C-alpha atoms as a PDB file:
ATOM      1  CA  MET A   1      20.411 -14.240 -54.845  1.00  0.00           C
ATOM      2  CA  ALA A   2      17.795 -16.153 -56.197  1.00  0.00           C
ATOM      3  CA  ASP A   3      14.799 -14.416 -58.065  1.00  0.00           C
ATOM      4  CA  PRO A   4      11.388 -13.984 -56.233  1.00  0.00           C
ATOM      5  CA  HIS A   5       9.089 -16.413 -57.371  1.00  0.00           C
ATOM      6  CA  GLU A   6       6.088 -13.562 -56.765  1.00  0.00           C
ATOM      7  CA  GLU A   7       6.229  -9.956 -56.319  1.00  0.00           C
ATOM      8  CA  LEU A   8       3.123  -8.280 -54.201  1.00  0.00           C
ATOM      9  CA  GLN A   9       2.445  -4.809 -53.932  1.00  0.00           C
ATOM     10  CA  PHE A  10       0.530  -3.649 -50.593  1.00  0.00           C
ATOM     11  CA  ALA A  11      -0.399  -1.151 -48.327  1.00  0.00           C
ATOM     12  CA  GLU A  12       0.619  -1.518 -44.666  1.00  0.00           C
ATOM     13  CA  SER A  13      -3.611  -0.821 -44.044  1.00  0.00           C
ATOM     14  CA  GLU A  14      -4.077  -4.195 -46.301  1.00  0.00           C
ATOM     15  CA  PRO A  15      -1.656  -6.722 -45.977  1.00  0.00           C
ATOM     16  CA  ALA A  16      -4.056  -9.780 -46.401  1.00  0.00           C
ATOM     17  CA  ALA A  17      -2.173 -11.184 -49.462  1.00  0.00           C
ATOM     18  CA  VAL A  18       1.340 -10.993 -47.557  1.00  0.00           C
ATOM     19  CA  LEU A  19      -0.255 -12.542 -44.575  1.00  0.00           C
ATOM     20  CA  ASP A  20      -1.826 -15.341 -46.810  1.00  0.00           C
ATOM     21  CA  ARG A  21       1.623 -16.127 -48.256  1.00  0.00           C
ATOM     22  CA  MET A  22       3.237 -15.864 -44.841  1.00  0.00           C
ATOM     23  CA  GLU A  23       0.900 -18.602 -44.198  1.00  0.00           C
ATOM     24  CA  GLN A  24       1.504 -20.543 -46.775  1.00  0.00           C
ATOM     25  CA  LEU A  25       5.331 -20.598 -46.162  1.00  0.00           C
ATOM     26  CA  THR A  26       4.398 -21.665 -42.484  1.00  0.00           C
ATOM     27  CA  ASP A  27       2.715 -24.618 -43.687  1.00  0.00           C
ATOM     28  CA  THR A  28       5.602 -25.810 -45.892  1.00  0.00           C
ATOM     29  CA  GLY A  29       8.296 -24.985 -43.495  1.00  0.00           C
ATOM     30  CA  THR A  30      10.464 -23.270 -46.535  1.00  0.00           C
ATOM     31  CA  GLY A  31      10.790 -19.674 -48.041  1.00  0.00           C
ATOM     32  CA  TRP A  32      10.849 -16.123 -47.233  1.00  0.00           C
ATOM     33  CA  ILE A  33       9.671 -12.616 -48.143  1.00  0.00           C
ATOM     34  CA  ASN A  34      11.561  -9.595 -48.425  1.00  0.00           C
ATOM     35  CA  LEU A  35       9.850  -6.354 -47.535  1.00  0.00           C
ATOM     36  CA  LEU A  36      10.842  -3.301 -49.382  1.00  0.00           C
ATOM     37  CA  PRO A  37       9.354   0.228 -48.652  1.00  0.00           C
ATOM     38  CA  GLU A  38       8.040   2.960 -51.058  1.00  0.00           C
ATOM     39  CA  ILE A  39       9.877   6.123 -49.964  1.00  0.00           C
ATOM     40  CA  ALA A  40       8.203   9.589 -50.694  1.00  0.00           C
ATOM     41  CA  GLU A  41       9.104  10.970 -54.127  1.00  0.00           C
ATOM     42  CA  ASP A  42      10.672  14.455 -52.630  1.00  0.00           C
ATOM     43  CA  ALA A  43      12.448  11.956 -50.252  1.00  0.00           C
ATOM     44  CA  ALA A  44      16.303  13.009 -50.238  1.00  0.00           C
ATOM     45  CA  VAL A  45      18.059   9.983 -49.416  1.00  0.00           C
ATOM     46  CA  PRO A  46      21.202   9.937 -47.712  1.00  0.00           C
ATOM     47  CA  PRO A  47      24.344   9.332 -49.930  1.00  0.00           C
ATOM     48  CA  SER A  48      25.991   5.686 -49.189  1.00  0.00           C
ATOM     49  CA  GLY A  49      29.171   5.360 -47.695  1.00  0.00           C
ATOM     50  CA  GLY A  50      30.736   4.545 -50.971  1.00  0.00           C
ATOM     51  CA  LEU A  51      34.180   3.186 -50.803  1.00  0.00           C
ATOM     52  CA  LEU A  52      34.351   3.539 -47.053  1.00  0.00           C
ATOM     53  CA  SER A  53      31.255   2.302 -45.980  1.00  0.00           C
ATOM     54  CA  PHE A  54      32.670  -0.364 -44.135  1.00  0.00           C
ATOM     55  CA  LEU A  55      33.931   1.984 -41.730  1.00  0.00           C
ATOM     56  CA  SER A  56      30.327   3.288 -41.167  1.00  0.00           C
ATOM     57  CA  ALA A  57      28.304   2.101 -38.138  1.00  0.00           C
ATOM     58  CA  ARG A  58      24.689   2.506 -40.134  1.00  0.00           C
ATOM     59  CA  GLY A  59      23.217   0.188 -42.472  1.00  0.00           C
ATOM     60  CA  PRO A  60      21.175   1.290 -45.711  1.00  0.00           C
ATOM     61  CA  SER A  61      19.040   4.391 -45.521  1.00  0.00           C
ATOM     62  CA  ILE A  62      16.289   2.818 -46.963  1.00  0.00           C
ATOM     63  CA  PRO A  63      15.433  -0.392 -44.926  1.00  0.00           C
ATOM     64  CA  LEU A  64      15.068  -3.860 -45.957  1.00  0.00           C
ATOM     65  CA  ALA A  65      12.760  -6.200 -43.652  1.00  0.00           C
ATOM     66  CA  THR A  66      12.480 -10.016 -44.277  1.00  0.00           C
ATOM     67  CA  TRP A  67      10.413 -12.515 -42.915  1.00  0.00           C
ATOM     68  CA  SER A  68      11.463 -16.241 -43.018  1.00  0.00           C
ATOM     69  CA  ALA A  69       9.223 -19.352 -42.504  1.00  0.00           C
ATOM     70  CA  GLY A  70      10.661 -21.647 -39.489  1.00  0.00           C
ATOM     71  CA  SER A  71      11.776 -24.734 -40.551  1.00  0.00           C
ATOM     72  CA  GLU A  72      10.485 -28.050 -39.131  1.00  0.00           C
ATOM     73  CA  THR A  73      12.922 -29.797 -36.558  1.00  0.00           C
ATOM     74  CA  ARG A  74      13.075 -32.880 -34.573  1.00  0.00           C
ATOM     75  CA  ARG A  75      11.143 -31.006 -32.067  1.00  0.00           C
ATOM     76  CA  GLY A  76       8.262 -29.801 -34.089  1.00  0.00           C
ATOM     77  CA  PRO A  77       7.778 -26.244 -36.164  1.00  0.00           C
ATOM     78  CA  GLY A  78      10.657 -24.151 -36.153  1.00  0.00           C
ATOM     79  CA  ARG A  79      11.076 -20.730 -35.310  1.00  0.00           C
ATOM     80  CA  VAL A  80      10.062 -17.834 -37.700  1.00  0.00           C
ATOM     81  CA  SER A  81      13.169 -15.561 -37.998  1.00  0.00           C
ATOM     82  CA  ILE A  82      12.361 -11.982 -38.907  1.00  0.00           C
ATOM     83  CA  GLY A  83      15.129  -9.345 -39.961  1.00  0.00           C
ATOM     84  CA  LEU A  84      15.850  -5.275 -40.511  1.00  0.00           C
ATOM     85  CA  GLN A  85      18.678  -3.936 -42.129  1.00  0.00           C
ATOM     86  CA  HIS A  86      18.485  -0.220 -41.048  1.00  0.00           C
ATOM     87  CA  ALA A  87      20.272   2.985 -40.838  1.00  0.00           C
ATOM     88  CA  GLY A  88      19.009   3.469 -36.868  1.00  0.00           C
ATOM     89  CA  GLY A  89      22.468   2.480 -36.041  1.00  0.00           C
ATOM     90  CA  PRO A  90      23.429   0.788 -32.738  1.00  0.00           C
ATOM     91  CA  ARG A  91      21.482  -0.694 -30.297  1.00  0.00           C
ATOM     92  CA  ALA A  92      18.581  -0.685 -32.254  1.00  0.00           C
ATOM     93  CA  LEU A  93      16.224  -2.746 -29.999  1.00  0.00           C
ATOM     94  CA  THR A  94      16.952  -0.174 -27.229  1.00  0.00           C
ATOM     95  CA  ARG A  95      15.758   2.903 -29.566  1.00  0.00           C
ATOM     96  CA  LEU A  96      12.779   0.346 -30.621  1.00  0.00           C
ATOM     97  CA  ALA A  97      11.707  -0.263 -26.906  1.00  0.00           C
ATOM     98  CA  GLU A  98      11.888   3.725 -26.214  1.00  0.00           C
ATOM     99  CA  LEU A  99       9.425   4.239 -29.010  1.00  0.00           C
ATOM    100  CA  GLY A 100       7.060   1.433 -27.858  1.00  0.00           C
ATOM    101  CA  LEU A 101       8.205  -1.199 -29.880  1.00  0.00           C
ATOM    102  CA  LEU A 102       9.055  -4.115 -27.495  1.00  0.00           C
ATOM    103  CA  LEU A 103       9.596  -7.488 -28.421  1.00  0.00           C
ATOM    104  CA  ALA A 104       6.763  -9.550 -27.613  1.00  0.00           C
ATOM    105  CA  PRO A 105       7.105 -12.470 -24.806  1.00  0.00           C
ATOM    106  CA  GLY A 106       9.063 -15.408 -26.335  1.00  0.00           C
ATOM    107  CA  TRP A 107      10.694 -13.387 -29.011  1.00  0.00           C
ATOM    108  CA  VAL A 108      14.376 -13.684 -28.985  1.00  0.00           C
ATOM    109  CA  LYS A 109      16.842 -11.221 -29.933  1.00  0.00           C
ATOM    110  CA  VAL A 110      19.750 -12.983 -32.188  1.00  0.00           C
ATOM    111  CA  GLN A 111      21.381 -10.166 -33.511  1.00  0.00           C
ATOM    112  CA  ASP A 112      21.429  -6.421 -33.506  1.00  0.00           C
ATOM    113  CA  HIS A 113      24.509  -4.950 -35.557  1.00  0.00           C
ATOM    114  CA  PRO A 114      24.415  -1.635 -36.765  1.00  0.00           C
ATOM    115  CA  ARG A 115      25.541  -2.845 -40.177  1.00  0.00           C
ATOM    116  CA  ARG A 116      24.268  -6.253 -40.597  1.00  0.00           C
ATOM    117  CA  GLY A 117      20.875  -5.438 -38.865  1.00  0.00           C
ATOM    118  CA  LEU A 118      18.465  -6.653 -36.508  1.00  0.00           C
ATOM    119  CA  VAL A 119      17.497 -10.612 -36.249  1.00  0.00           C
ATOM    120  CA  VAL A 120      14.949 -11.473 -33.977  1.00  0.00           C
ATOM    121  CA  THR A 121      13.247 -15.471 -33.878  1.00  0.00           C
ATOM    122  CA  VAL A 122       9.247 -15.519 -33.311  1.00  0.00           C
ATOM    123  CA  PRO A 123       7.979 -18.611 -31.551  1.00  0.00           C
ATOM    124  CA  PRO A 124       5.872 -20.912 -33.697  1.00  0.00           C
ATOM    125  CA  GLY A 125       2.255 -19.854 -33.864  1.00  0.00           C
ATOM    126  CA  GLU A 126       2.670 -16.662 -33.188  1.00  0.00           C
ATOM    127  CA  ASP A 127       0.283 -14.330 -35.032  1.00  0.00           C
ATOM    128  CA  HIS A 128       1.638 -13.183 -38.317  1.00  0.00           C
ATOM    129  CA  ASP A 129      -0.450 -10.014 -38.629  1.00  0.00           C
ATOM    130  CA  ASP A 130       1.152  -9.353 -35.068  1.00  0.00           C
ATOM    131  CA  VAL A 131       4.835 -10.068 -36.624  1.00  0.00           C
ATOM    132  CA  LEU A 132       4.316  -8.283 -39.919  1.00  0.00           C
ATOM    133  CA  HIS A 133       3.145  -5.175 -38.011  1.00  0.00           C
ATOM    134  CA  TRP A 134       5.710  -5.190 -35.435  1.00  0.00           C
ATOM    135  CA  LEU A 135       8.709  -5.796 -38.376  1.00  0.00           C
ATOM    136  CA  LEU A 136       6.937  -2.791 -40.517  1.00  0.00           C
ATOM    137  CA  SER A 137       6.845  -0.364 -37.496  1.00  0.00           C
ATOM    138  CA  ALA A 138      10.286  -0.966 -36.636  1.00  0.00           C
ATOM    139  CA  ALA A 139      11.269  -0.234 -40.575  1.00  0.00           C
ATOM    140  CA  HIS A 140       9.741   3.144 -39.894  1.00  0.00           C
ATOM    141  CA  ALA A 141      11.236   3.686 -36.733  1.00  0.00           C
ATOM    142  CA  LEU A 142      14.630   3.109 -37.969  1.00  0.00           C
ATOM    143  CA  SER A 143      14.291   4.346 -41.505  1.00  0.00           C
ATOM    144  CA  ALA A 144      16.903   7.274 -42.269  1.00  0.00           C
ATOM    145  CA  VAL A 145      13.886   8.509 -44.910  1.00  0.00           C
ATOM    146  CA  PRO A 146       9.952   8.648 -44.788  1.00  0.00           C
ATOM    147  CA  LEU A 147       8.244   5.911 -45.772  1.00  0.00           C
ATOM    148  CA  THR A 148       4.843   6.236 -47.200  1.00  0.00           C
ATOM    149  CA  GLY A 149       3.343   2.713 -46.234  1.00  0.00           C
ATOM    150  CA  ASP A 150       3.209   0.982 -49.292  1.00  0.00           C
ATOM    151  CA  TRP A 151       5.534  -2.278 -49.786  1.00  0.00           C
ATOM    152  CA  LEU A 152       6.865  -4.549 -52.407  1.00  0.00           C
ATOM    153  CA  ALA A 153       6.996  -7.944 -51.064  1.00  0.00           C
ATOM    154  CA  ARG A 154       9.562 -10.442 -52.999  1.00  0.00           C
ATOM    155  CA  VAL A 155       8.251 -13.721 -52.131  1.00  0.00           C
ATOM    156  CA  TYR A 156      10.733 -16.794 -52.384  1.00  0.00           C
ATOM    157  CA  THR A 157       8.734 -20.238 -52.230  1.00  0.00           C
ATOM    158  CA  GLY A 158      10.212 -23.764 -51.716  1.00  0.00           C
ATOM    159  CA  VAL A 159      13.502 -22.966 -50.712  1.00  0.00           C
ATOM    160  CA  ARG A 160      15.363 -22.795 -47.567  1.00  0.00           C
ATOM    161  CA  SER A 161      16.337 -19.215 -46.310  1.00  0.00           C
END
């Protein structure tokens, strides 16, 4: 995988720097942002499945969230894509809906797989703050360990996701 062009630490309560990068990437129609959560120091992280992890119906204990700019198409601006690898197991969208984290109108599930994760597309023009808030809330809900609310954003610019 490519090296990030920039890394930003941010708190969920102060996402301005990440929202600014999302806007910049949307303007160019290229790039993506990987969002890695900080976990509590005393959190016990369940071991990975090791050699038999391919048999598991769960993703990583510590979630990995991704936001990807929508590329320009012949029909206009492309759809933003958001993804979440998680330990929440099968039917993540059902579990999220039960917690009040429903997909907004126009958001489309592309994939909801226990190991490969959840992928959703978002229509052009959707508020970045709403998208980021939903994505980080979903990461908390599907994480196998407690998250602190602090994140590392790895920004990849000028490349197609």
